[in-house]
Amino acid sequence: MKNEQPLLRCSNPYHKRQKPVLDEKRLAEFVRVMGVSMFTEKPVKIKLYQDDADVELVGLIDKIATDSRQLKIGFEHTYEWITLDDVIDMKIVL
């Protein structure tokens, strides 16, 4: 009976993952990566936070909309707008 308690807690649909809090240094690194990516036209790997599981995207940064805090990421035949507030990691793909 003692082992059932953790299972009940994990299966609770109201238990959400916590979004990581990013410090200023990490945010400054994202700005640098975005600039390098746009200047060199190198793709980036972006990890986005979502409640159920993180999502990774790889593509080229086509546009940065500072007013709406969004990035336009281009893929082979399509693109997607992502919200900067959802980004938890960003790296240049070498």
C-alpha atoms as a PDB file:
ATOM      1  CA  MET A   1       0.000   0.000   0.000  1.00  0.00           C
ATOM      2  CA  LYS A   2       2.888   2.339   0.734  1.00  0.00           C
ATOM      3  CA  ASN A   3       4.119   2.208  -2.894  1.00  0.00           C
ATOM      4  CA  GLU A   4       0.764   3.265  -4.339  1.00  0.00           C
ATOM      5  CA  GLN A   5       0.935   6.847  -3.042  1.00  0.00           C
ATOM      6  CA  PRO A   6       3.686   8.075  -5.440  1.00  0.00           C
ATOM      7  CA  LEU A   7       1.835   6.555  -8.397  1.00  0.00           C
ATOM      8  CA  LEU A   8      -1.328   8.385  -7.470  1.00  0.00           C
ATOM      9  CA  ARG A   9       0.562  11.657  -7.187  1.00  0.00           C
ATOM     10  CA  CYS A  10       2.258  11.241 -10.603  1.00  0.00           C
ATOM     11  CA  SER A  11      -0.965  10.325 -12.388  1.00  0.00           C
ATOM     12  CA  ASN A  12      -2.754  13.421 -11.107  1.00  0.00           C
ATOM     13  CA  PRO A  13      -3.885  15.347 -14.223  1.00  0.00           C
ATOM     14  CA  TYR A  14      -3.652  18.625 -12.300  1.00  0.00           C
ATOM     15  CA  HIS A  15       0.057  18.209 -11.571  1.00  0.00           C
ATOM     16  CA  LYS A  16       1.830  20.303 -14.218  1.00  0.00           C
ATOM     17  CA  ARG A  17       5.507  20.558 -14.928  1.00  0.00           C
ATOM     18  CA  GLN A  18       7.162  23.813 -13.946  1.00  0.00           C
ATOM     19  CA  LYS A  19       8.680  25.962 -16.667  1.00  0.00           C
ATOM     20  CA  PRO A  20      12.372  26.630 -15.984  1.00  0.00           C
ATOM     21  CA  VAL A  21      13.209  30.188 -14.983  1.00  0.00           C
ATOM     22  CA  LEU A  22      15.915  31.631 -17.237  1.00  0.00           C
ATOM     23  CA  ASP A  23      18.417  34.120 -15.872  1.00  0.00           C
ATOM     24  CA  GLU A  24      19.639  37.231 -17.677  1.00  0.00           C
ATOM     25  CA  LYS A  25      22.844  35.514 -18.787  1.00  0.00           C
ATOM     26  CA  ARG A  26      20.881  32.757 -20.524  1.00  0.00           C
ATOM     27  CA  LEU A  27      18.560  35.268 -22.201  1.00  0.00           C
ATOM     28  CA  ALA A  28      21.585  37.245 -23.441  1.00  0.00           C
ATOM     29  CA  GLU A  29      22.946  34.005 -24.916  1.00  0.00           C
ATOM     30  CA  PHE A  30      19.670  33.534 -26.824  1.00  0.00           C
ATOM     31  CA  VAL A  31      20.004  37.050 -28.282  1.00  0.00           C
ATOM     32  CA  ARG A  32      23.565  36.259 -29.380  1.00  0.00           C
ATOM     33  CA  VAL A  33      22.504  32.957 -30.964  1.00  0.00           C
ATOM     34  CA  MET A  34      19.652  34.653 -32.838  1.00  0.00           C
ATOM     35  CA  GLY A  35      21.991  37.322 -34.203  1.00  0.00           C
ATOM     36  CA  VAL A  36      24.661  34.837 -35.279  1.00  0.00           C
ATOM     37  CA  SER A  37      22.053  32.590 -36.866  1.00  0.00           C
ATOM     38  CA  MET A  38      20.523  35.401 -38.904  1.00  0.00           C
ATOM     39  CA  PHE A  39      23.909  36.850 -39.931  1.00  0.00           C
ATOM     40  CA  THR A  40      25.496  33.525 -40.930  1.00  0.00           C
ATOM     41  CA  GLU A  41      22.258  31.861 -42.089  1.00  0.00           C
ATOM     42  CA  LYS A  42      23.052  28.848 -39.906  1.00  0.00           C
ATOM     43  CA  PRO A  43      20.175  26.820 -38.492  1.00  0.00           C
ATOM     44  CA  VAL A  44      19.334  26.788 -34.811  1.00  0.00           C
ATOM     45  CA  LYS A  45      18.040  24.059 -32.537  1.00  0.00           C
ATOM     46  CA  ILE A  46      15.353  25.483 -30.281  1.00  0.00           C
ATOM     47  CA  LYS A  47      13.781  23.721 -27.315  1.00  0.00           C
ATOM     48  CA  LEU A  48      10.296  24.929 -26.441  1.00  0.00           C
ATOM     49  CA  TYR A  49       8.575  24.403 -23.117  1.00  0.00           C
ATOM     50  CA  GLN A  50       5.109  22.859 -23.212  1.00  0.00           C
ATOM     51  CA  ASP A  51       3.056  21.573 -20.287  1.00  0.00           C
ATOM     52  CA  ASP A  52       3.246  17.911 -21.242  1.00  0.00           C
ATOM     53  CA  ALA A  53       6.729  17.651 -22.846  1.00  0.00           C
ATOM     54  CA  ASP A  54       9.399  19.873 -24.376  1.00  0.00           C
ATOM     55  CA  VAL A  55       9.540  20.178 -28.170  1.00  0.00           C
ATOM     56  CA  GLU A  56      12.696  20.646 -30.251  1.00  0.00           C
ATOM     57  CA  LEU A  57      12.731  22.444 -33.593  1.00  0.00           C
ATOM     58  CA  VAL A  58      15.606  22.861 -36.024  1.00  0.00           C
ATOM     59  CA  GLY A  59      15.391  25.579 -38.666  1.00  0.00           C
ATOM     60  CA  LEU A  60      16.561  28.986 -39.844  1.00  0.00           C
ATOM     61  CA  ILE A  61      15.523  32.161 -38.068  1.00  0.00           C
ATOM     62  CA  ASP A  62      13.805  34.171 -40.768  1.00  0.00           C
ATOM     63  CA  LYS A  63      12.428  37.053 -38.734  1.00  0.00           C
ATOM     64  CA  ILE A  64      12.268  38.402 -35.192  1.00  0.00           C
ATOM     65  CA  ALA A  65       9.121  40.297 -34.210  1.00  0.00           C
ATOM     66  CA  THR A  66      10.174  42.210 -31.107  1.00  0.00           C
ATOM     67  CA  ASP A  67       6.753  43.793 -30.570  1.00  0.00           C
ATOM     68  CA  SER A  68       5.013  40.405 -30.266  1.00  0.00           C
ATOM     69  CA  ARG A  69       8.107  38.578 -28.917  1.00  0.00           C
ATOM     70  CA  GLN A  70       8.008  35.960 -31.654  1.00  0.00           C
ATOM     71  CA  LEU A  71      10.457  34.225 -33.987  1.00  0.00           C
ATOM     72  CA  LYS A  72       9.693  33.072 -37.500  1.00  0.00           C
ATOM     73  CA  ILE A  73      11.508  29.768 -37.987  1.00  0.00           C
ATOM     74  CA  GLY A  74      11.852  28.491 -41.535  1.00  0.00           C
ATOM     75  CA  PHE A  75      11.939  24.815 -42.409  1.00  0.00           C
ATOM     76  CA  GLU A  76      12.444  23.133 -45.774  1.00  0.00           C
ATOM     77  CA  HIS A  77       9.008  23.940 -47.210  1.00  0.00           C
ATOM     78  CA  THR A  78       7.221  25.784 -44.439  1.00  0.00           C
ATOM     79  CA  TYR A  79       7.675  28.076 -41.446  1.00  0.00           C
ATOM     80  CA  GLU A  80       6.330  28.516 -37.945  1.00  0.00           C
ATOM     81  CA  TRP A  81       5.992  31.468 -35.584  1.00  0.00           C
ATOM     82  CA  ILE A  82       7.082  30.627 -32.044  1.00  0.00           C
ATOM     83  CA  THR A  83       6.764  32.716 -28.903  1.00  0.00           C
ATOM     84  CA  LEU A  84      10.070  33.709 -27.301  1.00  0.00           C
ATOM     85  CA  ASP A  85       8.571  33.148 -23.846  1.00  0.00           C
ATOM     86  CA  ASP A  86       8.302  29.409 -24.660  1.00  0.00           C
ATOM     87  CA  VAL A  87      12.012  29.062 -25.564  1.00  0.00           C
ATOM     88  CA  ILE A  88      14.056  27.282 -22.879  1.00  0.00           C
ATOM     89  CA  ASP A  89      17.160  26.492 -24.954  1.00  0.00           C
ATOM     90  CA  MET A  90      18.680  27.670 -28.213  1.00  0.00           C
ATOM     91  CA  LYS A  91      21.887  26.635 -29.997  1.00  0.00           C
ATOM     92  CA  ILE A  92      23.521  27.081 -33.392  1.00  0.00           C
ATOM     93  CA  VAL A  93      23.565  23.830 -35.375  1.00  0.00           C
ATOM     94  CA  LEU A  94      27.092  23.250 -36.638  1.00  0.00           C
END
